[in-house]
C-alpha atoms as a PDB file:
ATOM      1  CA  MET A   1      -0.703  16.366  -7.315  1.00  0.00           C
ATOM      2  CA  PRO A   2      -1.078  18.531  -4.240  1.00  0.00           C
ATOM      3  CA  GLY A   3      -2.053  15.615  -1.627  1.00  0.00           C
ATOM      4  CA  LEU A   4      -0.662  12.742  -0.048  1.00  0.00           C
ATOM      5  CA  PHE A   5      -1.641   9.072  -1.112  1.00  0.00           C
ATOM      6  CA  ILE A   6      -0.556   6.581   1.423  1.00  0.00           C
ATOM      7  CA  THR A   7      -0.825   2.499   1.307  1.00  0.00           C
ATOM      8  CA  PHE A   8      -0.732  -0.321   4.046  1.00  0.00           C
ATOM      9  CA  GLU A   9       0.435  -3.711   3.179  1.00  0.00           C
ATOM     10  CA  GLY A  10       1.427  -7.121   5.082  1.00  0.00           C
ATOM     11  CA  GLY A  11      -0.027 -10.545   5.378  1.00  0.00           C
ATOM     12  CA  ASP A  12      -3.248 -11.391   6.983  1.00  0.00           C
ATOM     13  CA  GLY A  13      -3.117 -10.487  10.871  1.00  0.00           C
ATOM     14  CA  SER A  14      -0.266  -8.118  10.089  1.00  0.00           C
ATOM     15  CA  GLY A  15      -2.847  -5.280  12.167  1.00  0.00           C
ATOM     16  CA  LYS A  16      -2.687  -2.959   9.128  1.00  0.00           C
ATOM     17  CA  SER A  17      -6.589  -1.964  10.233  1.00  0.00           C
ATOM     18  CA  THR A  18      -6.087  -1.545  13.549  1.00  0.00           C
ATOM     19  CA  GLN A  19      -2.580   0.451  12.227  1.00  0.00           C
ATOM     20  CA  SER A  20      -4.670   2.779   9.180  1.00  0.00           C
ATOM     21  CA  ALA A  21      -7.045   3.640  11.975  1.00  0.00           C
ATOM     22  CA  LEU A  22      -5.091   5.121  14.481  1.00  0.00           C
ATOM     23  CA  LEU A  23      -3.438   7.221  11.261  1.00  0.00           C
ATOM     24  CA  VAL A  24      -6.637   8.001  10.543  1.00  0.00           C
ATOM     25  CA  GLU A  25      -7.980   9.219  13.836  1.00  0.00           C
ATOM     26  CA  TRP A  26      -3.605  11.203  14.385  1.00  0.00           C
ATOM     27  CA  LEU A  27      -4.384  13.077  10.529  1.00  0.00           C
ATOM     28  CA  GLN A  28      -7.403  13.821  11.656  1.00  0.00           C
ATOM     29  CA  ALA A  29      -7.081  15.762  14.743  1.00  0.00           C
ATOM     30  CA  LEU A  30      -3.767  17.683  13.043  1.00  0.00           C
ATOM     31  CA  GLY A  31      -6.908  19.355  11.200  1.00  0.00           C
ATOM     32  CA  HIS A  32      -5.907  17.269   7.511  1.00  0.00           C
ATOM     33  CA  GLY A  33      -8.691  15.873   5.485  1.00  0.00           C
ATOM     34  CA  VAL A  34      -8.239  12.162   5.573  1.00  0.00           C
ATOM     35  CA  VAL A  35     -10.389   9.733   2.772  1.00  0.00           C
ATOM     36  CA  VAL A  36     -10.031   6.242   3.752  1.00  0.00           C
ATOM     37  CA  SER A  37      -9.584   3.285   0.719  1.00  0.00           C
ATOM     38  CA  ARG A  38      -9.438  -0.467   1.008  1.00  0.00           C
ATOM     39  CA  GLU A  39      -8.427  -2.807  -1.959  1.00  0.00           C
ATOM     40  CA  PRO A  40     -10.668  -4.458  -3.395  1.00  0.00           C
ATOM     41  CA  GLY A  41     -14.127  -2.544  -1.741  1.00  0.00           C
ATOM     42  CA  GLY A  42     -12.877   0.975  -1.272  1.00  0.00           C
ATOM     43  CA  THR A  43     -15.926   1.682  -3.884  1.00  0.00           C
ATOM     44  CA  ASP A  44     -19.515   0.590  -4.557  1.00  0.00           C
ATOM     45  CA  VAL A  45     -18.238  -1.098  -7.547  1.00  0.00           C
ATOM     46  CA  GLY A  46     -14.896  -2.265  -5.710  1.00  0.00           C
ATOM     47  CA  LEU A  47     -17.348  -3.608  -3.177  1.00  0.00           C
ATOM     48  CA  GLU A  48     -19.279  -6.190  -5.997  1.00  0.00           C
ATOM     49  CA  LEU A  49     -15.403  -6.588  -6.660  1.00  0.00           C
ATOM     50  CA  ARG A  50     -15.066  -7.819  -3.963  1.00  0.00           C
ATOM     51  CA  GLN A  51     -17.554 -10.240  -2.826  1.00  0.00           C
ATOM     52  CA  LEU A  52     -16.649 -12.193  -6.580  1.00  0.00           C
ATOM     53  CA  VAL A  53     -13.014 -12.342  -5.960  1.00  0.00           C
ATOM     54  CA  LEU A  54     -12.646 -13.469  -1.892  1.00  0.00           C
ATOM     55  CA  HIS A  55     -15.713 -14.588  -1.675  1.00  0.00           C
ATOM     56  CA  TRP A  56     -16.085 -16.870  -5.067  1.00  0.00           C
ATOM     57  CA  ARG A  57     -16.676 -20.837  -4.489  1.00  0.00           C
ATOM     58  CA  GLY A  58     -16.339 -21.711  -6.830  1.00  0.00           C
ATOM     59  CA  GLU A  59     -12.270 -21.645  -9.053  1.00  0.00           C
ATOM     60  CA  ILE A  60     -11.460 -18.595 -10.545  1.00  0.00           C
ATOM     61  CA  ALA A  61      -7.708 -18.965 -12.908  1.00  0.00           C
ATOM     62  CA  PRO A  62      -5.137 -17.114 -11.660  1.00  0.00           C
ATOM     63  CA  ARG A  63      -4.511 -14.309 -14.889  1.00  0.00           C
ATOM     64  CA  ALA A  64      -8.925 -13.491 -15.000  1.00  0.00           C
ATOM     65  CA  GLU A  65      -8.080 -13.047 -11.099  1.00  0.00           C
ATOM     66  CA  ALA A  66      -6.029 -10.797 -11.006  1.00  0.00           C
ATOM     67  CA  LEU A  67      -7.297  -8.876 -13.947  1.00  0.00           C
ATOM     68  CA  ILE A  68     -10.402  -8.672 -11.383  1.00  0.00           C
ATOM     69  CA  TYR A  69      -7.663  -6.720  -8.970  1.00  0.00           C
ATOM     70  CA  ALA A  70      -6.673  -4.534 -11.497  1.00  0.00           C
ATOM     71  CA  ALA A  71     -10.918  -3.171 -12.427  1.00  0.00           C
ATOM     72  CA  ASP A  72     -10.820  -2.745  -9.033  1.00  0.00           C
ATOM     73  CA  ARG A  73      -7.999  -0.873  -8.688  1.00  0.00           C
ATOM     74  CA  ALA A  74      -9.199   1.469 -11.647  1.00  0.00           C
ATOM     75  CA  HIS A  75     -12.260   2.132 -11.253  1.00  0.00           C
ATOM     76  CA  ASN A  76     -10.768   3.174  -6.688  1.00  0.00           C
ATOM     77  CA  ILE A  77      -8.014   5.037  -8.068  1.00  0.00           C
ATOM     78  CA  ALA A  78      -9.880   7.551 -11.102  1.00  0.00           C
ATOM     79  CA  THR A  79     -13.597   8.388  -8.870  1.00  0.00           C
ATOM     80  CA  LYS A  80     -12.034   7.811  -5.766  1.00  0.00           C
ATOM     81  CA  VAL A  81      -8.351   8.796  -4.938  1.00  0.00           C
ATOM     82  CA  ARG A  82      -6.830  10.631  -7.623  1.00  0.00           C
ATOM     83  CA  PRO A  83      -9.425  12.937  -6.783  1.00  0.00           C
ATOM     84  CA  ALA A  84      -8.895  13.407  -3.222  1.00  0.00           C
ATOM     85  CA  LEU A  85      -5.561  13.535  -4.130  1.00  0.00           C
ATOM     86  CA  GLU A  86      -6.356  16.165  -6.251  1.00  0.00           C
ATOM     87  CA  ARG A  87      -8.445  18.824  -3.707  1.00  0.00           C
ATOM     88  CA  GLY A  88      -4.897  17.955  -1.670  1.00  0.00           C
ATOM     89  CA  GLU A  89      -6.253  15.736   1.409  1.00  0.00           C
ATOM     90  CA  ILE A  90      -4.569  12.956   2.466  1.00  0.00           C
ATOM     91  CA  VAL A  91      -5.813   9.361   1.442  1.00  0.00           C
ATOM     92  CA  VAL A  92      -5.147   6.405   3.443  1.00  0.00           C
ATOM     93  CA  GLN A  93      -5.752   2.482   1.931  1.00  0.00           C
ATOM     94  CA  ASP A  94      -5.609  -0.714   3.149  1.00  0.00           C
ATOM     95  CA  ARG A  95      -3.771  -1.989   0.265  1.00  0.00           C
ATOM     96  CA  TYR A  96      -2.979  -1.119  -3.624  1.00  0.00           C
ATOM     97  CA  LEU A  97      -0.901  -2.422  -6.618  1.00  0.00           C
ATOM     98  CA  ASP A  98       2.009  -4.283  -4.419  1.00  0.00           C
ATOM     99  CA  SER A  99      -0.326  -6.568  -2.905  1.00  0.00           C
ATOM    100  CA  SER A 100      -1.041  -7.507  -6.540  1.00  0.00           C
ATOM    101  CA  VAL A 101       2.329  -8.202  -6.935  1.00  0.00           C
ATOM    102  CA  ALA A 102       2.533  -9.943  -4.271  1.00  0.00           C
ATOM    103  CA  TYR A 103      -0.741 -12.299  -4.678  1.00  0.00           C
ATOM    104  CA  GLN A 104      -0.669 -12.937  -8.052  1.00  0.00           C
ATOM    105  CA  GLY A 105       3.380 -12.976  -8.738  1.00  0.00           C
ATOM    106  CA  ALA A 106       4.751 -14.681  -6.145  1.00  0.00           C
ATOM    107  CA  GLY A 107       1.766 -16.079  -4.809  1.00  0.00           C
ATOM    108  CA  ARG A 108       0.033 -17.540  -8.110  1.00  0.00           C
ATOM    109  CA  VAL A 109       3.201 -17.431 -10.031  1.00  0.00           C
ATOM    110  CA  LEU A 110       2.019 -15.261 -12.752  1.00  0.00           C
ATOM    111  CA  GLY A 111       5.442 -12.485 -12.648  1.00  0.00           C
ATOM    112  CA  ALA A 112       5.573  -9.131 -10.384  1.00  0.00           C
ATOM    113  CA  GLN A 113       6.331  -6.991 -13.154  1.00  0.00           C
ATOM    114  CA  GLU A 114       3.229  -8.817 -15.412  1.00  0.00           C
ATOM    115  CA  VAL A 115       1.713  -7.842 -12.761  1.00  0.00           C
ATOM    116  CA  ARG A 116       3.212  -5.352 -11.536  1.00  0.00           C
ATOM    117  CA  ASP A 117       2.639  -3.677 -15.360  1.00  0.00           C
ATOM    118  CA  LEU A 118      -0.671  -4.280 -15.432  1.00  0.00           C
ATOM    119  CA  SER A 119      -2.064  -1.876 -12.636  1.00  0.00           C
ATOM    120  CA  LEU A 120      -0.020   1.076 -13.430  1.00  0.00           C
ATOM    121  CA  TRP A 121      -1.517   0.433 -16.912  1.00  0.00           C
ATOM    122  CA  ALA A 122      -4.650   0.616 -14.938  1.00  0.00           C
ATOM    123  CA  THR A 123      -4.062   3.275 -12.663  1.00  0.00           C
ATOM    124  CA  ASP A 124      -2.412   5.424 -15.090  1.00  0.00           C
ATOM    125  CA  GLY A 125       0.917   5.079 -13.333  1.00  0.00           C
ATOM    126  CA  LEU A 126       0.091   6.542  -9.430  1.00  0.00           C
ATOM    127  CA  LEU A 127       2.402   4.917  -7.019  1.00  0.00           C
ATOM    128  CA  PRO A 128       2.156   6.301  -3.249  1.00  0.00           C
ATOM    129  CA  ASP A 129       3.650   8.501  -1.488  1.00  0.00           C
ATOM    130  CA  LEU A 130       4.673   6.977   1.471  1.00  0.00           C
ATOM    131  CA  THR A 131       4.117   2.322   1.392  1.00  0.00           C
ATOM    132  CA  VAL A 132       3.448   1.150   5.285  1.00  0.00           C
ATOM    133  CA  LEU A 133       4.831  -3.191   4.735  1.00  0.00           C
ATOM    134  CA  LEU A 134       3.935  -4.569   8.175  1.00  0.00           C
ATOM    135  CA  ASP A 135       6.162  -7.278   8.239  1.00  0.00           C
ATOM    136  CA  LEU A 136       4.891 -10.584   9.989  1.00  0.00           C
ATOM    137  CA  ARG A 137       6.367 -14.524   8.695  1.00  0.00           C
ATOM    138  CA  GLU A 138       3.769 -16.044  10.723  1.00  0.00           C
ATOM    139  CA  GLY A 139       1.084 -13.853   9.236  1.00  0.00           C
ATOM    140  CA  SER A 140      -0.739 -17.319   8.833  1.00  0.00           C
ATOM    141  CA  ASP A 141      -0.192 -18.849  11.494  1.00  0.00           C
ATOM    142  CA  ARG A 142      -2.452 -15.865  13.400  1.00  0.00           C
ATOM    143  CA  LEU A 143      -5.508 -17.671  10.925  1.00  0.00           C
ATOM    144  CA  ALA A 144      -4.745 -21.146  12.742  1.00  0.00           C
ATOM    145  CA  ASP A 145      -8.139 -21.208  15.268  1.00  0.00           C
ATOM    146  CA  ARG A 146     -10.521 -18.944  12.513  1.00  0.00           C
ATOM    147  CA  THR A 147     -13.024 -21.416  11.012  1.00  0.00           C
ATOM    148  CA  LEU A 148     -14.041 -18.893   8.142  1.00  0.00           C
ATOM    149  CA  TYR A 149     -11.560 -17.661   5.325  1.00  0.00           C
ATOM    150  CA  ASP A 150     -11.264 -15.857   2.162  1.00  0.00           C
ATOM    151  CA  ARG A 151     -10.050 -17.823  -0.892  1.00  0.00           C
ATOM    152  CA  LEU A 152      -6.524 -16.179  -0.357  1.00  0.00           C
ATOM    153  CA  GLU A 153      -6.519 -16.359   3.560  1.00  0.00           C
ATOM    154  CA  ALA A 154      -7.031 -19.988   2.805  1.00  0.00           C
ATOM    155  CA  ALA A 155      -4.235 -20.563   0.080  1.00  0.00           C
ATOM    156  CA  GLY A 156      -1.752 -22.154   1.894  1.00  0.00           C
ATOM    157  CA  ASP A 157       1.871 -21.691   3.728  1.00  0.00           C
ATOM    158  CA  ASP A 158       4.304 -22.092   0.784  1.00  0.00           C
ATOM    159  CA  PHE A 159       1.512 -19.341  -1.017  1.00  0.00           C
ATOM    160  CA  HIS A 160       1.618 -17.060   1.497  1.00  0.00           C
ATOM    161  CA  ALA A 161       5.603 -17.798   2.261  1.00  0.00           C
ATOM    162  CA  ARG A 162       5.648 -16.562  -1.414  1.00  0.00           C
ATOM    163  CA  VAL A 163       4.207 -13.386  -0.200  1.00  0.00           C
ATOM    164  CA  SER A 164       5.330 -12.616   2.366  1.00  0.00           C
ATOM    165  CA  GLU A 165       9.569 -13.216   0.335  1.00  0.00           C
ATOM    166  CA  ALA A 166       8.167 -11.265  -2.308  1.00  0.00           C
ATOM    167  CA  TYR A 167       6.997  -7.885   0.293  1.00  0.00           C
ATOM    168  CA  LEU A 168      10.644  -7.620   1.605  1.00  0.00           C
ATOM    169  CA  GLU A 169      11.494  -8.104  -1.977  1.00  0.00           C
ATOM    170  CA  LEU A 170       9.569  -4.861  -3.279  1.00  0.00           C
ATOM    171  CA  ALA A 171      10.286  -3.097  -0.678  1.00  0.00           C
ATOM    172  CA  ALA A 172      14.738  -3.753  -0.965  1.00  0.00           C
ATOM    173  CA  ALA A 173      13.992  -2.436  -4.051  1.00  0.00           C
ATOM    174  CA  GLU A 174      12.318   0.736  -3.449  1.00  0.00           C
ATOM    175  CA  PRO A 175      13.572   1.753   0.094  1.00  0.00           C
ATOM    176  CA  GLU A 176      12.153   5.716  -0.636  1.00  0.00           C
ATOM    177  CA  ARG A 177       9.033   4.571  -0.436  1.00  0.00           C
ATOM    178  CA  PHE A 178       8.752   1.806   1.696  1.00  0.00           C
ATOM    179  CA  LEU A 179       8.430   1.680   5.790  1.00  0.00           C
ATOM    180  CA  VAL A 180       9.383  -1.734   6.857  1.00  0.00           C
ATOM    181  CA  LEU A 181       8.072  -1.897  10.389  1.00  0.00           C
ATOM    182  CA  ASP A 182       7.854  -5.563  12.758  1.00  0.00           C
ATOM    183  CA  ALA A 183       4.147  -6.725  13.323  1.00  0.00           C
ATOM    184  CA  ARG A 184       5.175  -8.254  16.207  1.00  0.00           C
ATOM    185  CA  ASP A 185       6.065  -5.162  17.557  1.00  0.00           C
ATOM    186  CA  THR A 186       3.960  -3.838  20.569  1.00  0.00           C
ATOM    187  CA  ILE A 187       0.853  -1.577  18.982  1.00  0.00           C
ATOM    188  CA  GLU A 188       1.976   1.685  20.253  1.00  0.00           C
ATOM    189  CA  ASN A 189       5.537   1.425  18.979  1.00  0.00           C
ATOM    190  CA  ILE A 190       4.601   0.605  15.724  1.00  0.00           C
ATOM    191  CA  ALA A 191       2.332   3.100  15.424  1.00  0.00           C
ATOM    192  CA  SER A 192       4.695   6.011  16.651  1.00  0.00           C
ATOM    193  CA  ALA A 193       6.932   5.026  14.119  1.00  0.00           C
ATOM    194  CA  ILE A 194       4.464   5.260  11.127  1.00  0.00           C
ATOM    195  CA  ARG A 195       3.804   8.973  12.395  1.00  0.00           C
ATOM    196  CA  SER A 196       7.626   9.717  12.783  1.00  0.00           C
ATOM    197  CA  ARG A 197       7.977   9.290   9.234  1.00  0.00           C
ATOM    198  CA  VAL A 198       4.559  10.895   8.000  1.00  0.00           C
ATOM    199  CA  GLU A 199       5.814  13.231   9.654  1.00  0.00           C
ATOM    200  CA  THR A 200       8.854  14.256   7.459  1.00  0.00           C
ATOM    201  CA  LEU A 201       6.012  14.388   4.403  1.00  0.00           C
ATOM    202  CA  LEU A 202       2.995  16.342   6.155  1.00  0.00           C
ATOM    203  CA  ARG A 203       2.403  19.653   4.802  1.00  0.00           C
ATOM    204  CA  PRO A 204       0.205  22.553   6.626  1.00  0.00           C
ATOM    205  CA  ALA A 205      -2.826  20.966   7.297  1.00  0.00           C
ATOM    206  CA  PRO A 206      -5.136  23.814   5.559  1.00  0.00           C
END
């Protein structure tokens, strides 16, 4: 496809929202068409699924949780991301299948390969051109003063440690797709490193 698919990954509190917003602003200033999405919740259907999977007050079985994320992903890719890529636009997205592999595969101990295969089936095999991983080992500590948590944020230190380790294993397995940055670096340094990598992938703006 003529477009470019960029995803942001990392633990809670790693700065994904800040860095993705800065990247979008920079790309638009260069004249590129940019579509912004997130998972879960990048579409109207996704917003309903996001409310369910993150804020349901009762128990959700781990496999059911993984399937909800996959359903959100399938709809997001089919109705929003893939059409934008086919139009030649740049999609910048907060979280994608690597989140499911880390959070459900490792965090919920469902098995990384099984969860990855589910997401690849849901999206007809679509992988990002670039995945920016903001590595913050103590991301859960940055949430210590928060009084409101979603279901994943409140999952505990052992859970988040498994998630962090899984992310690094994913990056090591696909170094050509991942850009791993220390989330404790300055906002400016991180943004500069991201722009430098993205520049190598850009086609001329229309």
